[in-house]
Amino acid sequence: MIQQLRTCNKKRGGLFIITQTKPVVKKEKAFANISARSFITVAAVLLLILFFCASLSYFIPQGSFERDSNDNIILGTYQESGIKGISFLRVLTAPVRVFGSADGVTIIMISIFLLVMSGIFNLLEKTGGVKSIIMYIMNRLRDKGGPVVCITVLIFMLFGSLFGMFEELVTLLPLIIVFMLSMNMDTMVGLGACLLAACFGFCTAITNPFSVGTAAQYADIPTSSGVWLRIVFFVITYIVLCWFLMIYLKKIEKDPKASLTYEQDQKRRENLSGEFESESVDQNKIFGVYSWFFIIQAVVLLAIACIREISGFAIPILAASFLIAGIVCGFIVSKKLGSVISYFLQGAAAMIPAVIMIAIASSVKLVMEEGGIIDTVLNYVINILDGKSPFVAIILIFFLILFLQLFIGSASAKIFLVMPIILPITNALGISPQLVILTYCMADGFTDVILPTNPVLLIGLSMANVSYFKWLKWTWKLQLLLFGISLFLLLFGVWIGY
């Protein structure tokens, strides 16, 4: 992956400086391409879970709940029968058969949606869409001093929160670092304004299609449902991150040697002359075209949130909007339809491993249903939580997802793995699906910039020439604070009946 980034950027003095203004027309891999090692690891974990759940059908009895018209279980109606194991062949074929199951339409729809979104985001990256907008804003804020950091954080967080962009934004990290250095800040501020902001925006999701959109589709609720508390969480996280960066910025302004990257930044500044790009005709054109792209998507998101009649079709509407507008804008910028299609297909292909993981994760529910044990497991868990406070239940769910995040990084795959079990239980306990989705987003996102196994974090730190331990030393207090805020908001959500 690092080699891939080197082919896209020019390396000077240990820092990757982006100097290209025209869209790249050669074939390249998508940045978000899942490595073979990561895919094999996650797929192996999911397969172990699948076979473990299948083996339970040989040890625990079948059973079932009566369900209401909304398919919610009715407490006190559980009936138990004998033990009947599921065949090994049915387990092996489950990841394929799941597309023809009762959940098949939802799985296919979300899989197509993810392929489209990944393809369009790759197209935006390769044709300079997001970069042009960031460059335009940066050039106009260059003399604003400290406030530029907060504005940069807001931009990156909004891209992550509204559109689910994370890996794509990290490709802009060298540009942001150069910009911060040119304003007498340091590499750590650049990392915070780009890497931290992109990650925090992704997990403080307002309409993030990869987490909120997918989970809402699975729970059969509008994406806009419960959006107000997600907006509150976004605002709080934004304020905390800006506060954290401002404190650090004041510290290094008072004593430049207090910077964690002081010596390497001194060497980098020697090479800054002329490296931060000025605007060009091509860049202004790209900015104008892609500004309309994001305006259109913002309008579509707003319409989905405000018009109840179309809110239930958020996934297909967003997919169609991104696909049509993305292809049109990409063609206007590059003038080469072949390149546009190629970039789109590269991005879509990069998401295929995630679709495979979704299929395996979804087949866990199918195997448990065919083995007749899913209601038995639900009844067991409900009995354990019977009499327990909903406050305890939501915290347990939070830590369950946090634990799974150690092994399964894919947001969408975890949704299809845990939601079939969690949603019936939380419905029975009176916990809303909106709160479950918020819990999921909180537990899924922040660890992406903590775990040393996360490839995007390691790539970002390599680009900035910052060690993992230096990063951990700088961010652990911030992460601990946000962890506490997350738990508080979840308990607050239970308390108010969110």
Protein backbone atom coordinates (compact mmCIF):
# COMPACT_ATOMS: atom_id res chain seq x y z
CA MET A 1 0.00 0.00 0.00
CA ILE A 2 2.85 2.39 0.81
CA GLN A 3 4.39 1.62 -2.57
CA GLN A 4 1.07 2.43 -4.18
CA LEU A 5 1.02 5.82 -2.51
CA ARG A 6 4.58 6.45 -3.64
CA THR A 7 3.54 5.95 -7.23
CA CYS A 8 0.89 8.63 -6.78
CA ASN A 9 2.97 11.22 -4.92
CA LYS A 10 6.45 12.71 -4.88
CA LYS A 11 8.62 11.94 -1.87
CA ARG A 12 10.85 14.69 -0.49
CA GLY A 13 12.65 14.78 2.83
CA GLY A 14 10.65 11.92 4.33
CA LEU A 15 7.31 13.58 3.51
CA PHE A 16 5.04 12.75 0.60
CA ILE A 17 4.28 16.06 -1.12
CA ILE A 18 1.37 16.12 -3.57
CA THR A 19 2.37 18.27 -6.53
CA GLN A 20 0.11 16.98 -9.27
CA THR A 21 -2.83 19.15 -10.32
CA LYS A 22 -4.22 17.23 -13.29
CA PRO A 23 -6.27 14.06 -12.97
CA VAL A 24 -4.26 10.88 -13.11
CA VAL A 25 -5.03 8.89 -16.22
CA LYS A 26 -2.97 5.75 -15.63
CA LYS A 27 -4.39 2.65 -14.01
CA GLU A 28 -3.88 2.44 -10.26
CA LYS A 29 -5.26 0.37 -7.45
CA ALA A 30 -7.93 1.87 -5.25
CA PHE A 31 -6.60 3.27 -1.97
CA ALA A 32 -9.30 1.45 0.01
CA ASN A 33 -8.32 -1.89 -1.49
CA ILE A 34 -8.55 -4.55 1.23
CA SER A 35 -5.26 -6.41 1.64
CA ALA A 36 -5.22 -10.17 1.16
CA ARG A 37 -4.02 -10.66 4.72
CA SER A 38 -6.81 -8.55 6.22
CA PHE A 39 -9.43 -10.29 4.09
CA ILE A 40 -8.20 -13.78 4.98
CA THR A 41 -8.07 -12.91 8.69
CA VAL A 42 -11.58 -11.46 8.82
CA ALA A 43 -13.04 -14.20 6.60
CA ALA A 44 -11.45 -16.85 8.83
CA VAL A 45 -12.96 -15.27 11.96
CA LEU A 46 -16.40 -15.08 10.32
CA LEU A 47 -16.18 -18.71 9.15
CA LEU A 48 -15.23 -19.83 12.66
CA ILE A 49 -18.29 -18.00 14.01
CA LEU A 50 -20.43 -19.57 11.27
CA PHE A 51 -19.31 -23.14 12.03
CA PHE A 52 -19.53 -22.56 15.78
CA CYS A 53 -23.15 -21.40 15.46
CA ALA A 54 -23.90 -24.37 13.20
CA SER A 55 -22.40 -26.76 15.76
CA LEU A 56 -24.75 -25.39 18.41
CA SER A 57 -27.66 -27.00 16.54
CA TYR A 58 -26.28 -30.40 17.67
CA PHE A 59 -26.21 -29.45 21.34
CA ILE A 60 -29.10 -27.10 22.09
CA PRO A 61 -32.79 -27.69 21.36
CA GLN A 62 -34.81 -26.01 18.66
CA GLY A 63 -37.39 -23.44 19.71
CA SER A 64 -39.45 -20.53 18.53
CA PHE A 65 -41.25 -17.39 19.65
CA GLU A 66 -44.56 -16.16 18.39
CA ARG A 67 -44.15 -12.86 16.54
CA ASP A 68 -46.35 -9.83 16.01
CA SER A 69 -47.23 -8.19 12.69
CA ASN A 70 -43.91 -6.32 12.71
CA ASP A 71 -41.97 -9.59 13.21
CA ASN A 72 -41.05 -8.66 16.77
CA ILE A 73 -40.87 -11.53 19.25
CA ILE A 74 -43.64 -11.75 21.85
CA LEU A 75 -42.18 -12.38 25.30
CA GLY A 76 -43.50 -15.42 27.15
CA THR A 77 -44.40 -17.34 23.98
CA TYR A 78 -41.19 -19.35 23.56
CA GLN A 79 -41.80 -23.06 22.84
CA GLU A 80 -39.01 -25.62 22.86
CA SER A 81 -38.69 -28.81 20.80
CA GLY A 82 -36.03 -31.47 20.16
CA ILE A 83 -32.43 -31.23 18.94
CA LYS A 84 -31.84 -31.47 15.19
CA GLY A 85 -28.47 -30.55 13.74
CA ILE A 86 -27.97 -28.83 10.40
CA SER A 87 -26.06 -30.66 7.67
CA PHE A 88 -22.46 -29.76 6.89
CA LEU A 89 -23.32 -29.20 3.22
CA ARG A 90 -25.95 -26.58 4.09
CA VAL A 91 -23.40 -24.75 6.22
CA LEU A 92 -20.86 -24.72 3.40
CA THR A 93 -23.37 -23.39 0.88
CA ALA A 94 -24.97 -20.85 3.26
CA PRO A 95 -22.89 -17.84 2.05
CA VAL A 96 -24.30 -18.44 -1.44
CA ARG A 97 -27.82 -19.48 -0.47
CA VAL A 98 -28.21 -16.42 1.75
CA PHE A 99 -28.80 -14.28 -1.36
CA GLY A 100 -31.98 -16.28 -1.98
CA SER A 101 -33.16 -16.14 1.63
CA ALA A 102 -35.75 -13.84 3.18
CA ASP A 103 -32.98 -11.28 3.74
CA GLY A 104 -31.58 -11.78 0.23
CA VAL A 105 -33.09 -8.65 -1.32
CA THR A 106 -31.69 -6.47 1.47
CA ILE A 107 -28.26 -8.09 1.22
CA ILE A 108 -28.15 -7.70 -2.57
CA MET A 109 -29.34 -4.10 -2.40
CA ILE A 110 -26.76 -3.11 0.21
CA SER A 111 -23.99 -5.00 -1.60
CA ILE A 112 -24.73 -3.15 -4.85
CA PHE A 113 -24.87 0.11 -2.91
CA LEU A 114 -21.44 -0.51 -1.37
CA LEU A 115 -19.95 -1.38 -4.77
CA VAL A 116 -21.36 1.81 -6.30
CA MET A 117 -20.19 4.03 -3.44
CA SER A 118 -16.70 2.52 -3.44
CA GLY A 119 -16.45 2.94 -7.21
CA ILE A 120 -17.53 6.58 -7.13
CA PHE A 121 -15.26 7.47 -4.22
CA ASN A 122 -12.33 5.95 -6.10
CA LEU A 123 -13.33 8.01 -9.16
CA LEU A 124 -13.42 11.17 -7.01
CA GLU A 125 -9.99 10.42 -5.62
CA LYS A 126 -8.34 9.61 -8.94
CA THR A 127 -9.76 12.66 -10.71
CA GLY A 128 -8.91 15.05 -7.87
CA GLY A 129 -12.47 15.78 -6.71
CA VAL A 130 -12.03 15.96 -2.94
CA LYS A 131 -8.48 17.30 -3.22
CA SER A 132 -9.62 20.24 -5.37
CA ILE A 133 -12.20 21.28 -2.77
CA ILE A 134 -9.70 21.00 0.08
CA MET A 135 -7.11 22.96 -1.92
CA TYR A 136 -9.59 25.72 -2.75
CA ILE A 137 -10.58 26.15 0.89
CA MET A 138 -7.00 25.91 2.17
CA ASN A 139 -5.77 28.64 -0.18
CA ARG A 140 -8.42 31.01 1.15
CA LEU A 141 -7.76 30.19 4.78
CA ARG A 142 -3.99 30.24 4.62
CA ASP A 143 -3.58 33.47 6.55
CA LYS A 144 -6.27 32.79 9.18
CA GLY A 145 -3.94 31.19 11.75
CA GLY A 146 -5.44 28.95 14.46
CA PRO A 147 -9.06 28.99 13.23
CA VAL A 148 -7.98 27.26 10.02
CA VAL A 149 -7.38 24.11 12.05
CA CYS A 150 -10.96 24.05 13.31
CA ILE A 151 -12.32 24.71 9.82
CA THR A 152 -10.17 21.92 8.37
CA VAL A 153 -11.37 19.54 11.09
CA LEU A 154 -14.98 20.43 10.32
CA ILE A 155 -14.54 19.77 6.59
CA PHE A 156 -12.95 16.37 7.11
CA MET A 157 -15.45 15.35 9.77
CA LEU A 158 -18.39 16.32 7.54
CA PHE A 159 -17.04 14.26 4.65
CA GLY A 160 -16.78 11.26 6.98
CA SER A 161 -20.06 11.79 8.81
CA LEU A 162 -22.26 12.54 5.81
CA PHE A 163 -20.66 10.45 3.06
CA GLY A 164 -18.71 7.76 4.93
CA MET A 165 -15.32 8.81 3.55
CA PHE A 166 -12.25 7.80 5.55
CA GLU A 167 -9.52 6.06 3.52
CA GLU A 168 -10.10 8.45 0.62
CA LEU A 169 -9.47 11.44 2.87
CA VAL A 170 -6.24 10.02 4.27
CA THR A 171 -4.69 10.30 0.79
CA LEU A 172 -4.83 14.08 1.37
CA LEU A 173 -2.75 13.82 4.55
CA PRO A 174 0.56 14.91 2.93
CA LEU A 175 -1.16 18.01 1.54
CA ILE A 176 -2.63 18.92 4.93
CA ILE A 177 0.71 18.39 6.70
CA VAL A 178 2.48 20.67 4.21
CA PHE A 179 -0.23 23.28 4.67
CA MET A 180 0.10 23.19 8.46
CA LEU A 181 3.90 23.38 8.28
CA SER A 182 3.65 26.40 5.98
CA MET A 183 1.66 28.12 8.75
CA ASN A 184 4.32 27.35 11.41
CA MET A 185 2.32 24.50 12.89
CA ASP A 186 3.62 20.92 12.97
CA THR A 187 3.05 17.43 11.59
CA MET A 188 0.94 16.35 14.59
CA VAL A 189 -1.55 19.15 13.97
CA GLY A 190 -1.79 17.97 10.36
CA LEU A 191 -2.43 14.40 11.53
CA GLY A 192 -5.11 15.61 13.90
CA ALA A 193 -6.86 17.82 11.37
CA CYS A 194 -6.88 15.08 8.74
CA LEU A 195 -6.51 11.52 10.10
CA LEU A 196 -8.29 12.05 13.44
CA ALA A 197 -10.97 14.27 11.92
CA ALA A 198 -11.74 11.82 9.10
CA CYS A 199 -12.00 8.89 11.52
CA PHE A 200 -14.04 10.79 14.10
CA GLY A 201 -16.38 12.02 11.39
CA PHE A 202 -16.91 8.44 10.19
CA CYS A 203 -17.93 7.21 13.65
CA THR A 204 -19.98 10.28 14.61
CA ALA A 205 -22.10 9.36 11.64
CA ILE A 206 -25.08 11.52 10.77
CA THR A 207 -25.96 9.89 7.45
CA ASN A 208 -22.84 7.75 6.84
CA PRO A 209 -24.15 5.24 4.27
CA PHE A 210 -21.69 2.53 5.30
CA SER A 211 -22.84 2.41 8.94
CA VAL A 212 -26.03 4.39 9.59
CA GLY A 213 -27.44 3.78 6.11
CA THR A 214 -26.73 0.04 6.12
CA ALA A 215 -27.93 -0.51 9.69
CA ALA A 216 -31.09 1.56 9.14
CA GLN A 217 -31.88 -0.42 6.01
CA TYR A 218 -31.46 -3.67 7.94
CA ALA A 219 -33.60 -2.40 10.83
CA ASP A 220 -36.21 -1.18 8.33
CA ILE A 221 -36.22 2.40 9.60
CA PRO A 222 -35.47 5.68 7.75
CA THR A 223 -31.86 6.83 7.76
CA SER A 224 -33.02 10.15 9.22
CA SER A 225 -34.73 8.49 12.19
CA GLY A 226 -33.11 9.61 15.43
CA VAL A 227 -30.71 11.90 13.60
CA TRP A 228 -30.84 14.64 16.26
CA LEU A 229 -28.79 12.74 18.85
CA ARG A 230 -26.25 11.73 16.20
CA ILE A 231 -25.89 15.43 15.34
CA VAL A 232 -25.36 16.20 19.04
CA PHE A 233 -22.67 13.53 19.21
CA PHE A 234 -21.02 14.96 16.09
CA VAL A 235 -20.97 18.49 17.54
CA ILE A 236 -19.58 17.34 20.90
CA THR A 237 -16.84 15.31 19.22
CA TYR A 238 -15.98 18.22 16.94
CA ILE A 239 -15.64 20.60 19.89
CA VAL A 240 -13.50 18.12 21.84
CA LEU A 241 -11.14 17.51 18.90
CA CYS A 242 -10.76 21.24 18.21
CA TRP A 243 -10.13 21.87 21.91
CA PHE A 244 -7.49 19.13 21.96
CA LEU A 245 -5.70 20.56 18.90
CA MET A 246 -5.91 24.16 20.12
CA ILE A 247 -4.32 23.26 23.46
CA TYR A 248 -1.49 21.49 21.65
CA LEU A 249 -1.12 24.37 19.18
CA LYS A 250 -0.82 26.93 21.97
CA LYS A 251 1.76 24.72 23.64
CA ILE A 252 4.03 24.61 20.59
CA GLU A 253 3.49 28.30 19.84
CA LYS A 254 4.77 29.07 23.32
CA ASP A 255 7.68 26.64 22.99
CA PRO A 256 8.30 25.30 19.44
CA LYS A 257 10.63 22.64 20.81
CA ALA A 258 7.65 21.13 22.67
CA SER A 259 6.44 19.81 19.32
CA LEU A 260 6.61 16.03 19.13
CA THR A 261 8.00 16.34 15.60
CA TYR A 262 10.15 19.46 16.06
CA GLU A 263 13.42 18.21 14.55
CA GLN A 264 11.93 16.49 11.52
CA ASP A 265 9.64 19.46 10.87
CA GLN A 266 12.63 21.80 10.84
CA LYS A 267 14.13 19.75 8.01
CA ARG A 268 10.83 19.58 6.17
CA ARG A 269 10.33 23.35 6.24
CA GLU A 270 13.58 23.76 4.34
CA ASN A 271 11.87 22.07 1.37
CA LEU A 272 8.55 23.88 1.58
CA SER A 273 9.28 26.68 -0.86
CA GLY A 274 6.83 26.41 -3.73
CA GLU A 275 5.52 23.01 -2.63
CA PHE A 276 2.07 24.13 -1.57
CA GLU A 277 0.25 24.39 -4.83
CA SER A 278 -1.35 27.56 -6.04
CA GLU A 279 -4.58 27.36 -7.94
CA SER A 280 -4.53 26.54 -11.63
CA VAL A 281 -7.10 26.63 -14.38
CA ASP A 282 -7.46 22.84 -14.20
CA GLN A 283 -7.86 22.90 -10.45
CA ASN A 284 -10.50 25.62 -10.55
CA LYS A 285 -12.40 23.61 -13.14
CA ILE A 286 -12.24 20.45 -11.04
CA PHE A 287 -13.34 22.39 -7.98
CA GLY A 288 -16.32 23.87 -9.81
CA VAL A 289 -17.48 20.51 -11.19
CA TYR A 290 -17.16 18.56 -7.95
CA SER A 291 -18.66 21.36 -5.88
CA TRP A 292 -21.87 20.71 -7.80
CA PHE A 293 -21.46 16.99 -7.17
CA PHE A 294 -21.40 17.45 -3.40
CA ILE A 295 -24.15 20.08 -3.48
CA ILE A 296 -26.36 17.57 -5.30
CA GLN A 297 -25.60 14.85 -2.76
CA ALA A 298 -26.28 17.24 0.14
CA VAL A 299 -29.65 18.12 -1.40
CA VAL A 300 -30.47 14.42 -1.86
CA LEU A 301 -29.55 13.67 1.76
CA LEU A 302 -31.67 16.57 2.96
CA ALA A 303 -34.61 15.40 0.84
CA ILE A 304 -34.34 11.88 2.21
CA ALA A 305 -34.29 13.25 5.75
CA CYS A 306 -37.27 15.57 5.25
CA ILE A 307 -39.59 13.69 2.87
CA ARG A 308 -41.07 10.71 4.69
CA GLU A 309 -42.39 9.12 1.49
CA ILE A 310 -38.87 8.55 0.10
CA SER A 311 -36.94 8.04 3.34
CA GLY A 312 -37.52 4.29 3.17
CA PHE A 313 -35.72 4.19 -0.18
CA ALA A 314 -32.58 5.99 1.03
CA ILE A 315 -30.13 3.30 -0.11
CA PRO A 316 -31.25 3.01 -3.78
CA ILE A 317 -31.77 6.79 -4.08
CA LEU A 318 -28.28 7.54 -2.74
CA ALA A 319 -26.72 4.88 -4.94
CA ALA A 320 -28.41 6.25 -8.07
CA SER A 321 -27.53 9.84 -7.15
CA PHE A 322 -23.85 9.07 -6.54
CA LEU A 323 -23.57 6.89 -9.63
CA ILE A 324 -25.16 9.29 -12.13
CA ALA A 325 -23.64 12.50 -10.75
CA GLY A 326 -20.23 10.86 -10.20
CA ILE A 327 -19.96 9.47 -13.72
CA VAL A 328 -21.10 12.76 -15.29
CA CYS A 329 -18.72 14.88 -13.20
CA GLY A 330 -15.85 12.47 -13.77
CA PHE A 331 -16.36 12.66 -17.53
CA ILE A 332 -16.54 16.47 -17.51
CA VAL A 333 -13.24 16.62 -15.64
CA SER A 334 -11.27 13.95 -17.47
CA LYS A 335 -12.94 14.03 -20.93
CA LYS A 336 -12.16 10.31 -21.13
CA LEU A 337 -15.10 7.99 -20.55
CA GLY A 338 -12.80 4.97 -20.61
CA SER A 339 -10.77 6.34 -17.69
CA VAL A 340 -13.93 7.19 -15.76
CA ILE A 341 -15.30 3.67 -16.16
CA SER A 342 -11.91 2.19 -15.30
CA TYR A 343 -11.62 4.21 -12.07
CA PHE A 344 -15.18 3.29 -11.11
CA LEU A 345 -14.62 -0.42 -11.73
CA GLN A 346 -11.33 -0.35 -9.79
CA GLY A 347 -13.11 1.14 -6.79
CA ALA A 348 -16.03 -1.29 -7.05
CA ALA A 349 -13.63 -4.24 -7.33
CA ALA A 350 -11.90 -3.09 -4.14
CA MET A 351 -15.21 -3.57 -2.30
CA ILE A 352 -15.80 -7.16 -3.49
CA PRO A 353 -13.96 -8.70 -0.48
CA ALA A 354 -16.26 -6.70 1.80
CA VAL A 355 -19.31 -8.08 -0.04
CA ILE A 356 -17.97 -11.61 0.46
CA MET A 357 -17.55 -10.89 4.16
CA ILE A 358 -21.11 -9.59 4.30
CA ALA A 359 -22.33 -12.82 2.69
CA ILE A 360 -20.48 -14.95 5.27
CA ALA A 361 -21.69 -12.77 8.16
CA SER A 362 -25.29 -12.89 6.88
CA SER A 363 -25.18 -16.66 6.56
CA VAL A 364 -24.73 -16.97 10.34
CA LYS A 365 -28.36 -15.96 10.81
CA LEU A 366 -29.47 -18.28 7.99
CA VAL A 367 -27.70 -21.28 9.52
CA MET A 368 -29.16 -20.55 12.96
CA GLU A 369 -32.64 -20.22 11.48
CA GLU A 370 -32.34 -23.46 9.51
CA GLY A 371 -30.98 -25.19 12.59
CA GLY A 372 -33.97 -23.84 14.53
CA ILE A 373 -31.79 -22.38 17.28
CA ILE A 374 -31.88 -18.64 16.74
CA ASP A 375 -34.93 -18.17 18.96
CA THR A 376 -33.38 -20.52 21.53
CA VAL A 377 -30.31 -18.28 21.70
CA LEU A 378 -32.50 -15.16 21.88
CA ASN A 379 -34.55 -16.69 24.70
CA TYR A 380 -31.37 -17.56 26.60
CA VAL A 381 -29.96 -14.05 26.31
CA ILE A 382 -33.31 -12.44 27.19
CA ASN A 383 -33.56 -14.60 30.30
CA ILE A 384 -30.07 -13.49 31.34
CA LEU A 385 -31.02 -9.83 30.86
CA ASP A 386 -34.47 -10.28 32.41
CA GLY A 387 -34.80 -7.87 35.30
CA LYS A 388 -31.60 -6.13 34.30
CA SER A 389 -31.65 -2.43 33.55
CA PRO A 390 -31.65 -1.29 29.90
CA PHE A 391 -28.62 0.78 30.92
CA VAL A 392 -26.70 -2.46 31.52
CA ALA A 393 -27.93 -3.97 28.26
CA ILE A 394 -26.80 -1.06 26.08
CA ILE A 395 -23.35 -1.00 27.71
CA LEU A 396 -22.98 -4.75 27.11
CA ILE A 397 -23.91 -4.27 23.45
CA PHE A 398 -21.34 -1.45 23.19
CA PHE A 399 -18.56 -3.68 24.53
CA LEU A 400 -19.65 -6.61 22.35
CA ILE A 401 -19.25 -4.52 19.20
CA LEU A 402 -16.01 -3.07 20.55
CA PHE A 403 -14.71 -6.61 21.04
CA LEU A 404 -15.71 -7.68 17.52
CA GLN A 405 -13.92 -4.60 16.15
CA LEU A 406 -10.64 -6.20 17.22
CA PHE A 407 -11.15 -8.94 14.65
CA ILE A 408 -13.63 -7.59 12.08
CA GLY A 409 -12.82 -4.12 10.78
CA SER A 410 -15.55 -4.00 8.12
CA ALA A 411 -18.44 -1.86 9.38
CA SER A 412 -20.96 -3.45 7.03
CA ALA A 413 -19.91 -7.05 7.80
CA LYS A 414 -20.34 -6.50 11.54
CA ILE A 415 -23.82 -5.08 10.96
CA PHE A 416 -24.96 -8.28 9.25
CA LEU A 417 -23.30 -10.37 11.95
CA VAL A 418 -24.66 -8.70 15.10
CA MET A 419 -27.92 -7.02 14.11
CA PRO A 420 -29.92 -10.27 13.67
CA ILE A 421 -29.20 -11.09 17.32
CA ILE A 422 -29.13 -7.64 18.88
CA LEU A 423 -32.25 -6.08 17.35
CA PRO A 424 -34.79 -8.70 18.56
CA ILE A 425 -33.28 -8.57 22.06
CA THR A 426 -33.27 -4.79 22.27
CA ASN A 427 -36.83 -4.61 20.91
CA ALA A 428 -37.92 -7.01 23.66
CA LEU A 429 -36.13 -4.87 26.26
CA GLY A 430 -37.66 -1.64 24.98
CA ILE A 431 -34.44 -0.26 23.49
CA SER A 432 -34.99 1.48 20.17
CA PRO A 433 -33.14 0.52 16.96
CA GLN A 434 -32.04 4.17 16.70
CA LEU A 435 -30.08 3.80 19.95
CA VAL A 436 -28.64 0.47 18.78
CA ILE A 437 -27.39 2.16 15.59
CA LEU A 438 -25.82 4.98 17.60
CA THR A 439 -24.17 2.40 19.86
CA TYR A 440 -22.84 0.56 16.84
CA CYS A 441 -21.32 3.70 15.29
CA MET A 442 -19.63 4.66 18.56
CA ALA A 443 -18.09 1.23 19.09
CA ASP A 444 -17.12 0.70 15.46
CA GLY A 445 -15.24 3.88 14.64
CA PHE A 446 -12.87 5.37 17.21
CA THR A 447 -10.64 2.30 17.46
CA ASP A 448 -9.62 2.75 13.80
CA VAL A 449 -7.03 5.27 15.01
CA ILE A 450 -6.01 3.27 18.08
CA LEU A 451 -5.45 -0.32 16.98
CA PRO A 452 -1.95 -0.85 15.52
CA THR A 453 -3.40 -3.52 13.24
CA ASN A 454 -5.48 -0.96 11.32
CA PRO A 455 -3.79 -0.53 7.91
CA VAL A 456 -5.12 3.01 7.31
CA LEU A 457 -3.64 4.21 10.60
CA LEU A 458 -0.27 2.64 9.81
CA ILE A 459 -0.25 4.12 6.30
CA GLY A 460 -1.10 7.57 7.68
CA LEU A 461 1.65 7.41 10.29
CA SER A 462 4.14 6.19 7.69
CA MET A 463 3.25 9.08 5.40
CA ALA A 464 3.85 11.49 8.27
CA ASN A 465 6.97 9.66 9.51
CA VAL A 466 5.50 9.39 13.02
CA SER A 467 5.93 6.27 15.15
CA TYR A 468 2.91 4.44 16.56
CA PHE A 469 4.09 4.92 20.15
CA LYS A 470 4.50 8.66 19.64
CA TRP A 471 0.98 8.71 18.19
CA LEU A 472 -0.39 6.72 21.14
CA LYS A 473 1.33 9.04 23.62
CA TRP A 474 -0.26 12.05 21.90
CA THR A 475 -3.82 10.72 21.54
CA TRP A 476 -4.57 8.35 24.44
CA LYS A 477 -6.08 11.02 26.71
CA LEU A 478 -8.29 12.27 23.86
CA GLN A 479 -9.46 8.72 23.14
CA LEU A 480 -10.19 8.08 26.81
CA LEU A 481 -12.24 11.29 27.01
CA LEU A 482 -14.29 10.37 23.92
CA PHE A 483 -14.80 6.87 25.30
CA GLY A 484 -16.33 8.38 28.44
CA ILE A 485 -18.48 10.79 26.42
CA SER A 486 -19.75 7.90 24.28
CA LEU A 487 -20.84 5.89 27.32
CA PHE A 488 -22.50 8.95 28.86
CA LEU A 489 -24.50 9.68 25.69
CA LEU A 490 -25.63 6.06 25.47
CA LEU A 491 -26.87 6.12 29.04
CA PHE A 492 -28.50 9.47 28.36
CA GLY A 493 -30.23 7.93 25.34
CA VAL A 494 -31.66 5.14 27.46
CA TRP A 495 -32.74 7.61 30.15
CA ILE A 496 -34.74 9.81 27.76
CA GLY A 497 -36.17 6.87 25.81
CA TYR A 498 -34.35 7.81 22.60
